[in-house]
PDB file of all heavy atoms in Angstrom:
ATOM      1  N   ALA A   1     -35.558  10.066  -9.417  1.00  0.00           N
ATOM      2  CA  ALA A   1     -34.949  10.871 -10.443  1.00  0.00           C
ATOM      3  C   ALA A   1     -33.902  11.826 -10.093  1.00  0.00           C
ATOM      4  O   ALA A   1     -32.812  12.020 -10.699  1.00  0.00           O
ATOM      5  CB  ALA A   1     -36.048  11.589 -11.154  1.00  0.00           C
ATOM      6  N   ALA A   2     -34.105  12.591  -8.976  1.00  0.00           N
ATOM      7  CA  ALA A   2     -33.128  13.479  -8.359  1.00  0.00           C
ATOM      8  C   ALA A   2     -31.932  12.674  -7.881  1.00  0.00           C
ATOM      9  O   ALA A   2     -30.753  13.171  -8.127  1.00  0.00           O
ATOM     10  CB  ALA A   2     -33.779  14.194  -7.152  1.00  0.00           C
ATOM     11  N   LEU A   3     -32.071  11.573  -7.318  1.00  0.00           N
ATOM     12  CA  LEU A   3     -30.838  10.773  -6.911  1.00  0.00           C
ATOM     13  C   LEU A   3     -30.147  10.221  -8.131  1.00  0.00           C
ATOM     14  O   LEU A   3     -28.865  10.302  -8.181  1.00  0.00           O
ATOM     15  CB  LEU A   3     -31.313   9.693  -5.981  1.00  0.00           C
ATOM     16  CG  LEU A   3     -31.938  10.077  -4.678  1.00  0.00           C
ATOM     17  CD1 LEU A   3     -32.361   8.830  -4.019  1.00  0.00           C
ATOM     18  CD2 LEU A   3     -30.947  10.894  -3.781  1.00  0.00           C
ATOM     19  N   GLU A   4     -30.819   9.844  -9.247  1.00  0.00           N
ATOM     20  CA  GLU A   4     -30.192   9.367 -10.378  1.00  0.00           C
ATOM     21  C   GLU A   4     -29.296  10.490 -11.078  1.00  0.00           C
ATOM     22  O   GLU A   4     -28.267  10.265 -11.613  1.00  0.00           O
ATOM     23  CB  GLU A   4     -31.025   8.650 -11.351  1.00  0.00           C
ATOM     24  CG  GLU A   4     -31.682   7.408 -10.765  1.00  0.00           C
ATOM     25  CD  GLU A   4     -32.834   6.968 -11.656  1.00  0.00           C
ATOM     26  OE1 GLU A   4     -33.195   7.621 -12.573  1.00  0.00           O
ATOM     27  OE2 GLU A   4     -33.465   5.904 -11.215  1.00  0.00           O
ATOM     28  N   ALA A   5     -29.848  11.712 -11.003  1.00  0.00           N
ATOM     29  CA  ALA A   5     -29.282  12.789 -11.637  1.00  0.00           C
ATOM     30  C   ALA A   5     -27.869  13.201 -11.010  1.00  0.00           C
ATOM     31  O   ALA A   5     -27.023  13.836 -11.694  1.00  0.00           O
ATOM     32  CB  ALA A   5     -30.128  14.001 -11.679  1.00  0.00           C
ATOM     33  N   LEU A   6     -27.664  12.764  -9.817  1.00  0.00           N
ATOM     34  CA  LEU A   6     -26.367  13.086  -9.138  1.00  0.00           C
ATOM     35  C   LEU A   6     -25.218  12.544  -9.790  1.00  0.00           C
ATOM     36  O   LEU A   6     -24.052  12.821  -9.685  1.00  0.00           O
ATOM     37  CB  LEU A   6     -26.293  12.415  -7.758  1.00  0.00           C
ATOM     38  CG  LEU A   6     -27.372  13.110  -6.642  1.00  0.00           C
ATOM     39  CD1 LEU A   6     -27.389  12.480  -5.346  1.00  0.00           C
ATOM     40  CD2 LEU A   6     -26.947  14.647  -6.398  1.00  0.00           C
ATOM     41  N   SER A   7     -25.452  11.560 -10.775  1.00  0.00           N
ATOM     42  CA  SER A   7     -24.284  10.903 -11.675  1.00  0.00           C
ATOM     43  C   SER A   7     -23.642  12.162 -12.428  1.00  0.00           C
ATOM     44  O   SER A   7     -22.514  11.948 -12.912  1.00  0.00           O
ATOM     45  CB  SER A   7     -24.834   9.891 -12.473  1.00  0.00           C
ATOM     46  OG  SER A   7     -25.796  10.349 -13.353  1.00  0.00           O
ATOM     47  N   ARG A   8     -24.380  13.105 -12.694  1.00  0.00           N
ATOM     48  CA  ARG A   8     -23.849  14.319 -13.586  1.00  0.00           C
ATOM     49  C   ARG A   8     -22.645  14.960 -12.704  1.00  0.00           C
ATOM     50  O   ARG A   8     -21.822  15.592 -13.458  1.00  0.00           O
ATOM     51  CB  ARG A   8     -24.933  15.395 -13.833  1.00  0.00           C
ATOM     52  CG  ARG A   8     -25.977  14.921 -14.650  1.00  0.00           C
ATOM     53  CD  ARG A   8     -27.116  15.956 -14.885  1.00  0.00           C
ATOM     54  NE  ARG A   8     -26.496  17.278 -15.449  1.00  0.00           N
ATOM     55  CZ  ARG A   8     -27.243  18.219 -15.504  1.00  0.00           C
ATOM     56  NH1 ARG A   8     -28.599  18.275 -14.945  1.00  0.00           N
ATOM     57  NH2 ARG A   8     -26.787  19.452 -15.981  1.00  0.00           N
ATOM     58  N   PHE A   9     -22.555  14.811 -11.447  1.00  0.00           N
ATOM     59  CA  PHE A   9     -21.355  15.393 -10.768  1.00  0.00           C
ATOM     60  C   PHE A   9     -20.169  14.518 -10.947  1.00  0.00           C
ATOM     61  O   PHE A   9     -19.072  14.884 -10.724  1.00  0.00           O
ATOM     62  CB  PHE A   9     -21.660  15.369  -9.235  1.00  0.00           C
ATOM     63  CG  PHE A   9     -22.651  16.405  -8.838  1.00  0.00           C
ATOM     64  CD1 PHE A   9     -23.534  16.189  -7.701  1.00  0.00           C
ATOM     65  CD2 PHE A   9     -22.681  17.664  -9.563  1.00  0.00           C
ATOM     66  CE1 PHE A   9     -24.400  17.200  -7.367  1.00  0.00           C
ATOM     67  CE2 PHE A   9     -23.539  18.709  -9.040  1.00  0.00           C
ATOM     68  CZ  PHE A   9     -24.564  18.587  -7.995  1.00  0.00           C
ATOM     69  N   ASP A  10     -20.376  13.449 -11.351  1.00  0.00           N
ATOM     70  CA  ASP A  10     -19.204  12.305 -11.485  1.00  0.00           C
ATOM     71  C   ASP A  10     -18.611  12.485 -12.832  1.00  0.00           C
ATOM     72  O   ASP A  10     -18.824  11.847 -13.820  1.00  0.00           O
ATOM     73  CB  ASP A  10     -19.697  10.913 -11.427  1.00  0.00           C
ATOM     74  CG  ASP A  10     -18.656   9.888 -11.319  1.00  0.00           C
ATOM     75  OD1 ASP A  10     -17.412  10.387 -11.113  1.00  0.00           O
ATOM     76  OD2 ASP A  10     -18.957   8.707 -11.477  1.00  0.00           O
ATOM     77  N   GLU A  11     -17.710  13.529 -13.046  1.00  0.00           N
ATOM     78  CA  GLU A  11     -17.123  13.971 -14.282  1.00  0.00           C
ATOM     79  C   GLU A  11     -15.685  14.111 -14.025  1.00  0.00           C
ATOM     80  O   GLU A  11     -15.257  14.239 -12.935  1.00  0.00           O
ATOM     81  CB  GLU A  11     -17.718  15.221 -14.859  1.00  0.00           C
ATOM     82  CG  GLU A  11     -17.691  16.391 -13.940  1.00  0.00           C
ATOM     83  CD  GLU A  11     -18.327  17.702 -14.455  1.00  0.00           C
ATOM     84  OE1 GLU A  11     -18.726  17.805 -15.653  1.00  0.00           O
ATOM     85  OE2 GLU A  11     -18.283  18.612 -13.636  1.00  0.00           O
ATOM     86  N   PRO A  12     -14.854  14.076 -15.202  1.00  0.00           N
ATOM     87  CA  PRO A  12     -13.413  14.295 -15.007  1.00  0.00           C
ATOM     88  C   PRO A  12     -13.170  15.618 -14.539  1.00  0.00           C
ATOM     89  O   PRO A  12     -14.005  16.621 -14.873  1.00  0.00           O
ATOM     90  CB  PRO A  12     -12.882  14.043 -16.324  1.00  0.00           C
ATOM     91  CG  PRO A  12     -13.986  13.210 -17.164  1.00  0.00           C
ATOM     92  CD  PRO A  12     -15.232  13.758 -16.527  1.00  0.00           C
ATOM     93  N   LEU A  13     -12.147  15.910 -13.730  1.00  0.00           N
ATOM     94  CA  LEU A  13     -11.606  17.225 -13.468  1.00  0.00           C
ATOM     95  C   LEU A  13     -11.228  18.050 -14.713  1.00  0.00           C
ATOM     96  O   LEU A  13     -10.560  17.575 -15.581  1.00  0.00           O
ATOM     97  CB  LEU A  13     -10.371  17.198 -12.590  1.00  0.00           C
ATOM     98  CG  LEU A  13      -9.798  18.461 -12.176  1.00  0.00           C
ATOM     99  CD1 LEU A  13     -10.679  19.280 -11.188  1.00  0.00           C
ATOM    100  CD2 LEU A  13      -8.363  18.233 -11.528  1.00  0.00           C
ATOM    101  N   PRO A  14     -11.986  19.195 -14.840  1.00  0.00           N
ATOM    102  CA  PRO A  14     -11.653  19.932 -16.050  1.00  0.00           C
ATOM    103  C   PRO A  14     -10.126  20.377 -16.109  1.00  0.00           C
ATOM    104  O   PRO A  14      -9.639  20.685 -15.131  1.00  0.00           O
ATOM    105  CB  PRO A  14     -12.568  21.303 -15.690  1.00  0.00           C
ATOM    106  CG  PRO A  14     -13.582  20.822 -14.812  1.00  0.00           C
ATOM    107  CD  PRO A  14     -12.911  19.830 -13.888  1.00  0.00           C
ATOM    108  N   ASP A  15      -9.630  20.412 -17.280  1.00  0.00           N
ATOM    109  CA  ASP A  15      -8.345  20.778 -17.709  1.00  0.00           C
ATOM    110  C   ASP A  15      -8.164  22.303 -17.584  1.00  0.00           C
ATOM    111  O   ASP A  15      -7.081  22.710 -17.213  1.00  0.00           O
ATOM    112  CB  ASP A  15      -7.805  20.297 -18.935  1.00  0.00           C
ATOM    113  CG  ASP A  15      -7.641  18.783 -18.973  1.00  0.00           C
ATOM    114  OD1 ASP A  15      -7.341  18.225 -17.973  1.00  0.00           O
ATOM    115  OD2 ASP A  15      -7.889  18.185 -20.025  1.00  0.00           O
ATOM    116  N   ALA A  16      -9.121  23.036 -17.760  1.00  0.00           N
ATOM    117  CA  ALA A  16      -9.124  24.511 -17.777  1.00  0.00           C
ATOM    118  C   ALA A  16     -10.264  24.989 -16.996  1.00  0.00           C
ATOM    119  O   ALA A  16     -11.175  24.471 -16.536  1.00  0.00           O
ATOM    120  CB  ALA A  16      -9.342  25.002 -19.352  1.00  0.00           C
ATOM    121  N   PRO A  17     -10.140  26.321 -16.699  1.00  0.00           N
ATOM    122  CA  PRO A  17     -11.187  26.898 -15.782  1.00  0.00           C
ATOM    123  C   PRO A  17     -12.492  26.841 -16.526  1.00  0.00           C
ATOM    124  O   PRO A  17     -12.732  26.827 -17.660  1.00  0.00           O
ATOM    125  CB  PRO A  17     -10.712  28.518 -15.632  1.00  0.00           C
ATOM    126  CG  PRO A  17      -9.264  28.370 -15.961  1.00  0.00           C
ATOM    127  CD  PRO A  17      -9.026  27.339 -16.983  1.00  0.00           C
ATOM    128  N   THR A  18     -13.623  26.862 -15.684  1.00  0.00           N
ATOM    129  CA  THR A  18     -14.919  26.675 -15.983  1.00  0.00           C
ATOM    130  C   THR A  18     -15.707  27.888 -15.555  1.00  0.00           C
ATOM    131  O   THR A  18     -15.434  28.595 -14.576  1.00  0.00           O
ATOM    132  CB  THR A  18     -15.597  25.519 -15.348  1.00  0.00           C
ATOM    133  OG1 THR A  18     -14.826  24.324 -15.666  1.00  0.00           O
ATOM    134  CG2 THR A  18     -17.087  25.293 -15.930  1.00  0.00           C
ATOM    135  N   ASP A  19     -16.646  28.442 -16.291  1.00  0.00           N
ATOM    136  CA  ASP A  19     -17.472  29.541 -16.130  1.00  0.00           C
ATOM    137  C   ASP A  19     -18.173  29.367 -14.681  1.00  0.00           C
ATOM    138  O   ASP A  19     -18.809  28.487 -14.428  1.00  0.00           O
ATOM    139  CB  ASP A  19     -18.483  29.758 -17.157  1.00  0.00           C
ATOM    140  CG  ASP A  19     -19.386  30.936 -16.864  1.00  0.00           C
ATOM    141  OD1 ASP A  19     -19.183  31.655 -15.919  1.00  0.00           O
ATOM    142  OD2 ASP A  19     -20.366  31.180 -17.647  1.00  0.00           O
ATOM    143  N   PRO A  20     -17.905  30.250 -13.696  1.00  0.00           N
ATOM    144  CA  PRO A  20     -18.532  30.125 -12.446  1.00  0.00           C
ATOM    145  C   PRO A  20     -19.978  30.074 -12.382  1.00  0.00           C
ATOM    146  O   PRO A  20     -20.592  29.375 -11.725  1.00  0.00           O
ATOM    147  CB  PRO A  20     -18.015  31.295 -11.537  1.00  0.00           C
ATOM    148  CG  PRO A  20     -16.805  31.740 -12.334  1.00  0.00           C
ATOM    149  CD  PRO A  20     -16.873  31.412 -13.778  1.00  0.00           C
ATOM    150  N   ALA A  21     -20.583  30.849 -13.321  1.00  0.00           N
ATOM    151  CA  ALA A  21     -22.117  30.857 -13.479  1.00  0.00           C
ATOM    152  C   ALA A  21     -22.575  29.367 -13.909  1.00  0.00           C
ATOM    153  O   ALA A  21     -23.581  28.949 -13.453  1.00  0.00           O
ATOM    154  CB  ALA A  21     -22.563  31.888 -14.491  1.00  0.00           C
ATOM    155  N   GLU A  22     -21.909  28.778 -14.824  1.00  0.00           N
ATOM    156  CA  GLU A  22     -22.259  27.471 -15.189  1.00  0.00           C
ATOM    157  C   GLU A  22     -22.031  26.487 -14.034  1.00  0.00           C
ATOM    158  O   GLU A  22     -22.895  25.596 -13.934  1.00  0.00           O
ATOM    159  CB  GLU A  22     -21.336  26.958 -16.381  1.00  0.00           C
ATOM    160  CG  GLU A  22     -21.603  25.613 -16.908  1.00  0.00           C
ATOM    161  CD  GLU A  22     -20.620  25.138 -17.957  1.00  0.00           C
ATOM    162  OE1 GLU A  22     -20.014  26.031 -18.520  1.00  0.00           O
ATOM    163  OE2 GLU A  22     -20.400  23.844 -17.958  1.00  0.00           O
ATOM    164  N   THR A  23     -21.001  26.586 -13.298  1.00  0.00           N
ATOM    165  CA  THR A  23     -20.721  25.709 -12.075  1.00  0.00           C
ATOM    166  C   THR A  23     -21.914  25.787 -11.071  1.00  0.00           C
ATOM    167  O   THR A  23     -22.451  24.877 -10.558  1.00  0.00           O
ATOM    168  CB  THR A  23     -19.400  26.138 -11.395  1.00  0.00           C
ATOM    169  OG1 THR A  23     -18.449  25.754 -12.394  1.00  0.00           O
ATOM    170  CG2 THR A  23     -19.194  25.210 -10.242  1.00  0.00           C
ATOM    171  N   LEU A  24     -22.253  27.177 -10.819  1.00  0.00           N
ATOM    172  CA  LEU A  24     -23.328  27.316  -9.878  1.00  0.00           C
ATOM    173  C   LEU A  24     -24.743  26.818 -10.415  1.00  0.00           C
ATOM    174  O   LEU A  24     -25.587  26.288  -9.624  1.00  0.00           O
ATOM    175  CB  LEU A  24     -23.566  28.909  -9.517  1.00  0.00           C
ATOM    176  CG  LEU A  24     -24.702  29.310  -8.653  1.00  0.00           C
ATOM    177  CD1 LEU A  24     -24.352  28.853  -7.294  1.00  0.00           C
ATOM    178  CD2 LEU A  24     -24.840  30.838  -8.688  1.00  0.00           C
ATOM    179  N   ALA A  25     -25.032  26.993 -11.665  1.00  0.00           N
ATOM    180  CA  ALA A  25     -26.236  26.423 -12.320  1.00  0.00           C
ATOM    181  C   ALA A  25     -26.253  24.863 -12.133  1.00  0.00           C
ATOM    182  O   ALA A  25     -27.368  24.366 -11.735  1.00  0.00           O
ATOM    183  CB  ALA A  25     -26.257  26.824 -13.808  1.00  0.00           C
ATOM    184  N   LEU A  26     -25.162  24.229 -12.458  1.00  0.00           N
ATOM    185  CA  LEU A  26     -25.114  22.833 -12.227  1.00  0.00           C
ATOM    186  C   LEU A  26     -25.417  22.419 -10.810  1.00  0.00           C
ATOM    187  O   LEU A  26     -26.134  21.485 -10.453  1.00  0.00           O
ATOM    188  CB  LEU A  26     -23.827  22.250 -12.775  1.00  0.00           C
ATOM    189  CG  LEU A  26     -23.532  20.688 -12.510  1.00  0.00           C
ATOM    190  CD1 LEU A  26     -24.609  19.947 -13.359  1.00  0.00           C
ATOM    191  CD2 LEU A  26     -22.122  20.354 -12.943  1.00  0.00           C
ATOM    192  N   LEU A  27     -24.749  23.081  -9.864  1.00  0.00           N
ATOM    193  CA  LEU A  27     -24.878  22.858  -8.440  1.00  0.00           C
ATOM    194  C   LEU A  27     -26.446  22.909  -8.064  1.00  0.00           C
ATOM    195  O   LEU A  27     -26.853  22.093  -7.300  1.00  0.00           O
ATOM    196  CB  LEU A  27     -24.079  23.877  -7.631  1.00  0.00           C
ATOM    197  CG  LEU A  27     -24.077  23.598  -6.022  1.00  0.00           C
ATOM    198  CD1 LEU A  27     -23.430  22.237  -5.746  1.00  0.00           C
ATOM    199  CD2 LEU A  27     -23.297  24.775  -5.526  1.00  0.00           C
ATOM    200  N   ASP A  28     -27.047  23.967  -8.468  1.00  0.00           N
ATOM    201  CA  ASP A  28     -28.501  24.141  -8.137  1.00  0.00           C
ATOM    202  C   ASP A  28     -29.262  23.116  -8.843  1.00  0.00           C
ATOM    203  O   ASP A  28     -30.103  22.490  -8.172  1.00  0.00           O
ATOM    204  CB  ASP A  28     -28.878  25.588  -8.461  1.00  0.00           C
ATOM    205  CG  ASP A  28     -30.319  25.917  -8.258  1.00  0.00           C
ATOM    206  OD1 ASP A  28     -30.728  25.323  -7.252  1.00  0.00           O
ATOM    207  OD2 ASP A  28     -30.911  26.724  -8.931  1.00  0.00           O
ATOM    208  N   GLU A  29     -29.244  22.955 -10.172  1.00  0.00           N
ATOM    209  CA  GLU A  29     -30.074  22.122 -10.868  1.00  0.00           C
ATOM    210  C   GLU A  29     -30.055  20.679 -10.496  1.00  0.00           C
ATOM    211  O   GLU A  29     -30.979  19.975 -10.590  1.00  0.00           O
ATOM    212  CB  GLU A  29     -29.700  22.259 -12.419  1.00  0.00           C
ATOM    213  CG  GLU A  29     -30.084  23.612 -12.942  1.00  0.00           C
ATOM    214  CD  GLU A  29     -29.647  23.989 -14.197  1.00  0.00           C
ATOM    215  OE1 GLU A  29     -28.990  23.157 -14.857  1.00  0.00           O
ATOM    216  OE2 GLU A  29     -29.613  25.131 -14.644  1.00  0.00           O
ATOM    217  N   VAL A  30     -28.773  20.158 -10.079  1.00  0.00           N
ATOM    218  CA  VAL A  30     -28.583  18.793  -9.742  1.00  0.00           C
ATOM    219  C   VAL A  30     -28.727  18.634  -8.204  1.00  0.00           C
ATOM    220  O   VAL A  30     -29.223  17.790  -7.642  1.00  0.00           O
ATOM    221  CB  VAL A  30     -27.341  18.225 -10.296  1.00  0.00           C
ATOM    222  CG1 VAL A  30     -27.023  16.782  -9.824  1.00  0.00           C
ATOM    223  CG2 VAL A  30     -27.413  18.230 -11.731  1.00  0.00           C
ATOM    224  N   GLY A  31     -28.018  19.620  -7.461  1.00  0.00           N
ATOM    225  CA  GLY A  31     -27.832  19.490  -6.021  1.00  0.00           C
ATOM    226  C   GLY A  31     -29.094  19.747  -5.336  1.00  0.00           C
ATOM    227  O   GLY A  31     -29.517  19.079  -4.406  1.00  0.00           O
ATOM    228  N   SER A  32     -29.893  20.902  -5.575  1.00  0.00           N
ATOM    229  CA  SER A  32     -31.026  21.226  -5.064  1.00  0.00           C
ATOM    230  C   SER A  32     -32.130  20.205  -4.840  1.00  0.00           C
ATOM    231  O   SER A  32     -32.660  19.905  -3.792  1.00  0.00           O
ATOM    232  CB  SER A  32     -31.514  22.610  -5.445  1.00  0.00           C
ATOM    233  OG  SER A  32     -30.594  23.629  -5.195  1.00  0.00           O
ATOM    234  N   PRO A  33     -32.450  19.572  -5.943  1.00  0.00           N
ATOM    235  CA  PRO A  33     -33.548  18.465  -5.788  1.00  0.00           C
ATOM    236  C   PRO A  33     -33.086  17.311  -5.057  1.00  0.00           C
ATOM    237  O   PRO A  33     -33.814  16.471  -4.710  1.00  0.00           O
ATOM    238  CB  PRO A  33     -33.677  18.182  -7.425  1.00  0.00           C
ATOM    239  CG  PRO A  33     -33.171  19.208  -8.149  1.00  0.00           C
ATOM    240  CD  PRO A  33     -32.003  19.760  -7.413  1.00  0.00           C
ATOM    241  N   ALA A  34     -31.808  17.107  -4.872  1.00  0.00           N
ATOM    242  CA  ALA A  34     -31.271  15.958  -4.109  1.00  0.00           C
ATOM    243  C   ALA A  34     -31.068  16.121  -2.726  1.00  0.00           C
ATOM    244  O   ALA A  34     -30.574  15.243  -2.000  1.00  0.00           O
ATOM    245  CB  ALA A  34     -29.858  15.473  -4.740  1.00  0.00           C
ATOM    246  N   THR A  35     -31.540  17.293  -2.308  1.00  0.00           N
ATOM    247  CA  THR A  35     -31.489  17.497  -0.789  1.00  0.00           C
ATOM    248  C   THR A  35     -32.623  16.899  -0.081  1.00  0.00           C
ATOM    249  O   THR A  35     -33.661  16.620  -0.564  1.00  0.00           O
ATOM    250  CB  THR A  35     -31.431  19.036  -0.464  1.00  0.00           C
ATOM    251  OG1 THR A  35     -32.633  19.720  -0.936  1.00  0.00           O
ATOM    252  CG2 THR A  35     -30.231  19.720  -1.082  1.00  0.00           C
ATOM    253  N   VAL A  36     -32.343  16.650   1.353  1.00  0.00           N
ATOM    254  CA  VAL A  36     -33.426  16.282   2.197  1.00  0.00           C
ATOM    255  C   VAL A  36     -34.046  17.684   2.872  1.00  0.00           C
ATOM    256  O   VAL A  36     -33.155  18.464   3.291  1.00  0.00           O
ATOM    257  CB  VAL A  36     -32.948  15.332   3.330  1.00  0.00           C
ATOM    258  CG1 VAL A  36     -34.003  15.056   4.273  1.00  0.00           C
ATOM    259  CG2 VAL A  36     -32.448  14.070   2.605  1.00  0.00           C
ATOM    260  N   ALA A  37     -35.153  17.736   2.781  1.00  0.00           N
ATOM    261  CA  ALA A  37     -35.803  19.076   3.169  1.00  0.00           C
ATOM    262  C   ALA A  37     -35.878  19.274   4.773  1.00  0.00           C
ATOM    263  O   ALA A  37     -36.903  19.478   5.392  1.00  0.00           O
ATOM    264  CB  ALA A  37     -37.251  19.338   2.780  1.00  0.00           C
ATOM    265  N   THR A  38     -34.745  19.147   5.327  1.00  0.00           N
ATOM    266  CA  THR A  38     -34.598  19.160   6.796  1.00  0.00           C
ATOM    267  C   THR A  38     -34.892  20.656   7.359  1.00  0.00           C
ATOM    268  O   THR A  38     -35.267  20.851   8.492  1.00  0.00           O
ATOM    269  CB  THR A  38     -33.110  18.811   7.372  1.00  0.00           C
ATOM    270  OG1 THR A  38     -32.172  19.658   6.595  1.00  0.00           O
ATOM    271  CG2 THR A  38     -32.859  17.363   7.072  1.00  0.00           C
ATOM    272  N   THR A  39     -34.741  21.597   6.499  1.00  0.00           N
ATOM    273  CA  THR A  39     -34.960  23.009   6.961  1.00  0.00           C
ATOM    274  C   THR A  39     -36.366  23.377   6.835  1.00  0.00           C
ATOM    275  O   THR A  39     -36.738  24.621   7.054  1.00  0.00           O
ATOM    276  CB  THR A  39     -33.875  23.900   6.204  1.00  0.00           C
ATOM    277  OG1 THR A  39     -33.884  25.157   6.850  1.00  0.00           O
ATOM    278  CG2 THR A  39     -34.471  24.321   4.788  1.00  0.00           C
ATOM    279  N   GLY A  40     -37.293  22.526   6.238  1.00  0.00           N
ATOM    280  CA  GLY A  40     -38.679  22.730   6.196  1.00  0.00           C
ATOM    281  C   GLY A  40     -39.364  22.501   7.408  1.00  0.00           C
ATOM    282  O   GLY A  40     -38.802  22.069   8.401  1.00  0.00           O
ATOM    283  N   GLY A  41     -40.667  22.347   7.339  1.00  0.00           N
ATOM    284  CA  GLY A  41     -41.554  22.091   8.508  1.00  0.00           C
ATOM    285  C   GLY A  41     -42.083  20.769   8.752  1.00  0.00           C
ATOM    286  O   GLY A  41     -42.654  20.474   9.734  1.00  0.00           O
ATOM    287  N   ARG A  42     -41.673  19.884   7.775  1.00  0.00           N
ATOM    288  CA  ARG A  42     -42.144  18.508   7.952  1.00  0.00           C
ATOM    289  C   ARG A  42     -41.230  17.346   8.089  1.00  0.00           C
ATOM    290  O   ARG A  42     -41.338  16.210   7.592  1.00  0.00           O
ATOM    291  CB  ARG A  42     -43.260  18.235   6.817  1.00  0.00           C
ATOM    292  CG  ARG A  42     -44.462  19.074   6.904  1.00  0.00           C
ATOM    293  CD  ARG A  42     -45.337  18.940   5.810  1.00  0.00           C
ATOM    294  NE  ARG A  42     -44.802  19.618   4.570  1.00  0.00           N
ATOM    295  CZ  ARG A  42     -44.315  19.181   3.463  1.00  0.00           C
ATOM    296  NH1 ARG A  42     -44.163  17.848   3.390  1.00  0.00           N
ATOM    297  NH2 ARG A  42     -43.979  19.916   2.532  1.00  0.00           N
ATOM    298  N   TYR A  43     -39.922  17.744   8.532  1.00  0.00           N
ATOM    299  CA  TYR A  43     -38.918  16.824   8.726  1.00  0.00           C
ATOM    300  C   TYR A  43     -38.820  16.408  10.206  1.00  0.00           C
ATOM    301  O   TYR A  43     -38.590  17.346  10.927  1.00  0.00           O
ATOM    302  CB  TYR A  43     -37.545  17.174   8.234  1.00  0.00           C
ATOM    303  CG  TYR A  43     -36.455  16.281   8.414  1.00  0.00           C
ATOM    304  CD1 TYR A  43     -36.264  15.163   7.566  1.00  0.00           C
ATOM    305  CD2 TYR A  43     -35.675  16.192   9.696  1.00  0.00           C
ATOM    306  CE1 TYR A  43     -35.349  14.134   7.768  1.00  0.00           C
ATOM    307  CE2 TYR A  43     -34.837  15.175   9.805  1.00  0.00           C
ATOM    308  CZ  TYR A  43     -34.578  14.285   8.847  1.00  0.00           C
ATOM    309  OH  TYR A  43     -33.677  13.198   9.120  1.00  0.00           O
ATOM    310  N   PHE A  44     -39.118  15.121  10.472  1.00  0.00           N
ATOM    311  CA  PHE A  44     -38.971  14.757  11.975  1.00  0.00           C
ATOM    312  C   PHE A  44     -38.144  13.460  12.200  1.00  0.00           C
ATOM    313  O   PHE A  44     -38.380  12.676  13.093  1.00  0.00           O
ATOM    314  CB  PHE A  44     -40.556  14.298  12.411  1.00  0.00           C
ATOM    315  CG  PHE A  44     -41.528  15.478  12.032  1.00  0.00           C
ATOM    316  CD1 PHE A  44     -42.536  15.159  11.054  1.00  0.00           C
ATOM    317  CD2 PHE A  44     -41.510  16.764  12.622  1.00  0.00           C
ATOM    318  CE1 PHE A  44     -43.450  16.231  10.701  1.00  0.00           C
ATOM    319  CE2 PHE A  44     -42.352  17.694  12.194  1.00  0.00           C
ATOM    320  CZ  PHE A  44     -43.369  17.464  11.281  1.00  0.00           C
TER     321      PHE A  44
END
């Protein structure tokens, strides 16, 4: 599900400026679940 959600990043370049808070929220909500937890204790 996290990998499929990455398609949300595939959008047209905005014509006008976007709210930075909205950009950060999208980055976290879609990007964070799609990470590999290499910085945790069980990645080998």
